[in-house]
N, C-alpha and C. Protein backbone atom coordinates (compact mmCIF):
# COMPACT_ATOMS: atom_id res chain seq x y z
N MET A 1 0.85 -1.18 0.00
CA MET A 1 0.00 0.00 0.00
C MET A 1 0.89 1.23 0.00
N THR A 2 0.47 2.24 -0.73
CA THR A 2 1.20 3.51 -0.75
C THR A 2 0.39 4.56 0.01
N VAL A 3 1.04 5.67 0.30
CA VAL A 3 0.36 6.78 0.98
C VAL A 3 -0.86 7.23 0.16
N ASP A 4 -0.72 7.26 -1.15
CA ASP A 4 -1.83 7.68 -2.01
C ASP A 4 -3.04 6.74 -1.91
N GLU A 5 -2.81 5.50 -1.53
CA GLU A 5 -3.89 4.52 -1.43
C GLU A 5 -4.53 4.48 -0.04
N LEU A 6 -3.88 5.09 0.95
CA LEU A 6 -4.40 5.06 2.32
C LEU A 6 -5.62 5.98 2.43
N THR A 7 -6.69 5.46 2.99
CA THR A 7 -7.91 6.23 3.21
C THR A 7 -8.21 6.26 4.71
N HIS A 8 -9.15 7.11 5.11
CA HIS A 8 -9.57 7.12 6.51
C HIS A 8 -10.02 5.72 6.93
N HIS A 9 -10.76 5.08 6.08
CA HIS A 9 -11.29 3.74 6.38
C HIS A 9 -10.16 2.72 6.56
N THR A 10 -9.22 2.68 5.62
CA THR A 10 -8.15 1.69 5.72
C THR A 10 -7.22 1.99 6.89
N ALA A 11 -7.01 3.26 7.21
CA ALA A 11 -6.19 3.61 8.37
C ALA A 11 -6.84 3.12 9.66
N ARG A 12 -8.16 3.31 9.78
CA ARG A 12 -8.86 2.83 10.98
C ARG A 12 -8.86 1.30 11.04
N GLU A 13 -9.00 0.64 9.89
CA GLU A 13 -8.94 -0.83 9.88
C GLU A 13 -7.57 -1.32 10.34
N ARG A 14 -6.53 -0.65 9.91
CA ARG A 14 -5.17 -1.09 10.19
C ARG A 14 -4.71 -0.75 11.60
N TRP A 15 -5.00 0.50 12.07
CA TRP A 15 -4.46 0.96 13.35
C TRP A 15 -5.52 1.32 14.39
N GLY A 16 -6.79 1.24 14.03
CA GLY A 16 -7.85 1.59 14.97
C GLY A 16 -8.12 3.09 14.99
N THR A 17 -8.89 3.50 15.97
CA THR A 17 -9.23 4.91 16.12
C THR A 17 -8.02 5.66 16.68
N PRO A 18 -7.70 6.82 16.14
CA PRO A 18 -6.54 7.55 16.66
C PRO A 18 -6.74 7.97 18.11
N ASP A 19 -5.64 8.08 18.85
CA ASP A 19 -5.69 8.52 20.24
C ASP A 19 -5.98 10.02 20.33
N GLU A 20 -5.49 10.76 19.37
CA GLU A 20 -5.70 12.22 19.33
C GLU A 20 -5.87 12.61 17.86
N TRP A 21 -6.50 13.74 17.64
CA TRP A 21 -6.56 14.29 16.29
C TRP A 21 -6.76 15.78 16.39
N GLU A 22 -6.39 16.46 15.35
CA GLU A 22 -6.64 17.90 15.29
C GLU A 22 -7.08 18.25 13.88
N GLY A 23 -7.92 19.25 13.80
CA GLY A 23 -8.45 19.67 12.51
C GLY A 23 -9.53 18.72 12.03
N SER A 24 -9.88 18.92 10.77
CA SER A 24 -10.94 18.13 10.13
C SER A 24 -10.72 18.18 8.63
N VAL A 25 -11.18 17.15 7.94
CA VAL A 25 -11.05 17.16 6.48
C VAL A 25 -11.84 18.31 5.88
N ASN A 26 -12.85 18.80 6.59
CA ASN A 26 -13.66 19.91 6.10
C ASN A 26 -13.18 21.27 6.61
N ASP A 27 -12.11 21.28 7.40
CA ASP A 27 -11.56 22.52 7.93
C ASP A 27 -10.88 23.29 6.80
N PRO A 28 -11.29 24.51 6.53
CA PRO A 28 -10.68 25.24 5.42
C PRO A 28 -9.25 25.70 5.71
N ARG A 29 -8.84 25.69 6.98
CA ARG A 29 -7.48 26.13 7.33
C ARG A 29 -6.48 25.03 7.00
N THR A 30 -5.44 25.39 6.31
CA THR A 30 -4.37 24.46 5.98
C THR A 30 -3.16 24.80 6.84
N ARG A 31 -2.56 23.80 7.41
CA ARG A 31 -1.37 23.97 8.24
C ARG A 31 -0.20 23.22 7.61
N GLU A 32 0.99 23.45 8.12
CA GLU A 32 2.16 22.72 7.64
C GLU A 32 2.98 22.26 8.84
N GLU A 33 3.41 21.01 8.77
CA GLU A 33 4.22 20.43 9.84
C GLU A 33 5.05 19.32 9.23
N ASN A 34 6.28 19.24 9.61
CA ASN A 34 7.18 18.19 9.11
C ASN A 34 7.21 18.15 7.58
N GLY A 35 7.09 19.32 6.96
CA GLY A 35 7.16 19.42 5.51
C GLY A 35 5.90 18.99 4.78
N LEU A 36 4.81 18.76 5.51
CA LEU A 36 3.56 18.32 4.90
C LEU A 36 2.45 19.34 5.16
N ARG A 37 1.70 19.67 4.12
CA ARG A 37 0.53 20.55 4.27
C ARG A 37 -0.68 19.67 4.55
N PHE A 38 -1.49 20.08 5.53
CA PHE A 38 -2.62 19.25 5.94
C PHE A 38 -3.71 20.12 6.56
N ASN A 39 -4.91 19.55 6.66
CA ASN A 39 -5.95 20.20 7.44
C ASN A 39 -6.53 19.24 8.49
N GLU A 40 -5.99 18.02 8.57
CA GLU A 40 -6.36 17.08 9.63
C GLU A 40 -5.15 16.22 9.94
N LYS A 41 -4.92 15.99 11.24
CA LYS A 41 -3.80 15.15 11.67
C LYS A 41 -4.32 14.15 12.69
N TRP A 42 -3.98 12.88 12.48
CA TRP A 42 -4.29 11.83 13.44
C TRP A 42 -3.01 11.46 14.16
N VAL A 43 -3.12 11.21 15.47
CA VAL A 43 -1.97 10.83 16.29
C VAL A 43 -2.28 9.51 16.99
N TYR A 44 -1.41 8.54 16.78
CA TYR A 44 -1.50 7.26 17.47
C TYR A 44 -0.34 7.20 18.46
N LEU A 45 -0.63 6.92 19.73
CA LEU A 45 0.40 6.78 20.76
C LEU A 45 0.80 5.31 20.81
N LEU A 46 2.05 5.02 20.53
CA LEU A 46 2.53 3.65 20.41
C LEU A 46 3.17 3.17 21.70
N GLU A 47 3.19 1.86 21.88
CA GLU A 47 3.67 1.26 23.13
C GLU A 47 5.12 1.61 23.46
N ASP A 48 5.95 1.82 22.44
CA ASP A 48 7.36 2.13 22.70
C ASP A 48 7.60 3.61 22.99
N GLY A 49 6.53 4.38 23.12
CA GLY A 49 6.66 5.81 23.40
C GLY A 49 6.69 6.67 22.15
N SER A 50 6.72 6.03 20.98
CA SER A 50 6.69 6.76 19.72
C SER A 50 5.26 7.19 19.39
N LYS A 51 5.16 8.04 18.39
CA LYS A 51 3.85 8.46 17.87
C LYS A 51 3.80 8.19 16.37
N ARG A 52 2.66 7.72 15.90
CA ARG A 52 2.41 7.62 14.46
C ARG A 52 1.55 8.83 14.11
N LEU A 53 2.03 9.64 13.19
CA LEU A 53 1.33 10.85 12.76
C LEU A 53 0.84 10.64 11.33
N ILE A 54 -0.45 10.77 11.12
CA ILE A 54 -1.01 10.65 9.78
C ILE A 54 -1.59 12.01 9.40
N TYR A 55 -1.12 12.54 8.29
CA TYR A 55 -1.53 13.85 7.81
C TYR A 55 -2.48 13.69 6.64
N TRP A 56 -3.60 14.42 6.69
CA TRP A 56 -4.61 14.37 5.64
C TRP A 56 -4.87 15.77 5.10
N HIS A 57 -5.11 15.86 3.83
CA HIS A 57 -5.65 17.08 3.24
C HIS A 57 -6.90 16.66 2.50
N ARG A 58 -8.02 17.16 2.99
CA ARG A 58 -9.34 16.65 2.59
C ARG A 58 -9.32 15.15 2.86
N TYR A 59 -9.59 14.32 1.92
CA TYR A 59 -9.59 12.88 2.19
C TYR A 59 -8.32 12.19 1.71
N GLY A 60 -7.39 12.94 1.15
CA GLY A 60 -6.15 12.35 0.68
C GLY A 60 -5.08 12.34 1.75
N CYS A 61 -4.43 11.21 1.91
CA CYS A 61 -3.33 11.10 2.86
C CYS A 61 -2.11 11.81 2.28
N ARG A 62 -1.47 12.63 3.10
CA ARG A 62 -0.28 13.37 2.68
C ARG A 62 1.00 12.75 3.21
N GLY A 63 0.89 11.91 4.25
CA GLY A 63 2.08 11.26 4.78
C GLY A 63 1.82 10.58 6.11
N VAL A 64 2.65 9.57 6.40
CA VAL A 64 2.59 8.86 7.67
C VAL A 64 4.01 8.89 8.23
N ILE A 65 4.16 9.50 9.40
CA ILE A 65 5.47 9.72 9.99
C ILE A 65 5.50 9.14 11.40
N ARG A 66 6.62 8.53 11.74
CA ARG A 66 6.83 8.05 13.11
C ARG A 66 7.74 9.04 13.81
N GLU A 67 7.29 9.50 14.98
CA GLU A 67 8.09 10.39 15.82
C GLU A 67 8.51 9.61 17.06
N THR A 68 9.82 9.44 17.24
CA THR A 68 10.32 8.68 18.37
C THR A 68 10.38 9.58 19.61
N PRO A 69 10.53 8.98 20.79
CA PRO A 69 10.58 9.79 22.01
C PRO A 69 11.69 10.85 22.02
N ASP A 70 12.77 10.61 21.26
CA ASP A 70 13.84 11.61 21.22
C ASP A 70 13.57 12.72 20.20
N GLY A 71 12.41 12.64 19.52
CA GLY A 71 12.01 13.70 18.58
C GLY A 71 12.42 13.45 17.14
N SER A 72 13.14 12.36 16.87
CA SER A 72 13.52 12.09 15.49
C SER A 72 12.31 11.59 14.70
N LEU A 73 12.33 11.87 13.40
CA LEU A 73 11.20 11.55 12.52
C LEU A 73 11.65 10.61 11.42
N THR A 74 10.80 9.65 11.08
CA THR A 74 11.04 8.79 9.94
C THR A 74 9.73 8.57 9.20
N GLN A 75 9.82 8.49 7.89
CA GLN A 75 8.65 8.17 7.07
C GLN A 75 8.33 6.69 7.28
N GLU A 76 7.07 6.38 7.58
CA GLU A 76 6.70 4.98 7.81
C GLU A 76 6.45 4.27 6.50
N ASP A 77 6.91 3.04 6.41
CA ASP A 77 6.58 2.17 5.29
C ASP A 77 5.21 1.60 5.54
N LEU A 78 4.37 1.63 4.52
CA LEU A 78 3.03 1.08 4.67
C LEU A 78 3.02 -0.32 4.11
């Protein structure tokens, strides 16, 4: 699966409901973080202390990033 193929539905099937989220796919405000423009962000809190960040613009996925406890970022392989 690629980022372009990831949907809200498939993300929930794969990882469940996010622990936190901000914004909305219908939010007209666009933000930028970690080099990605988005209007909705899902945050999954992982057992190792890392976070999985999923960035959406409208219904299209813009990226899935893992943030480790030390603050380093890596693009997640889907």
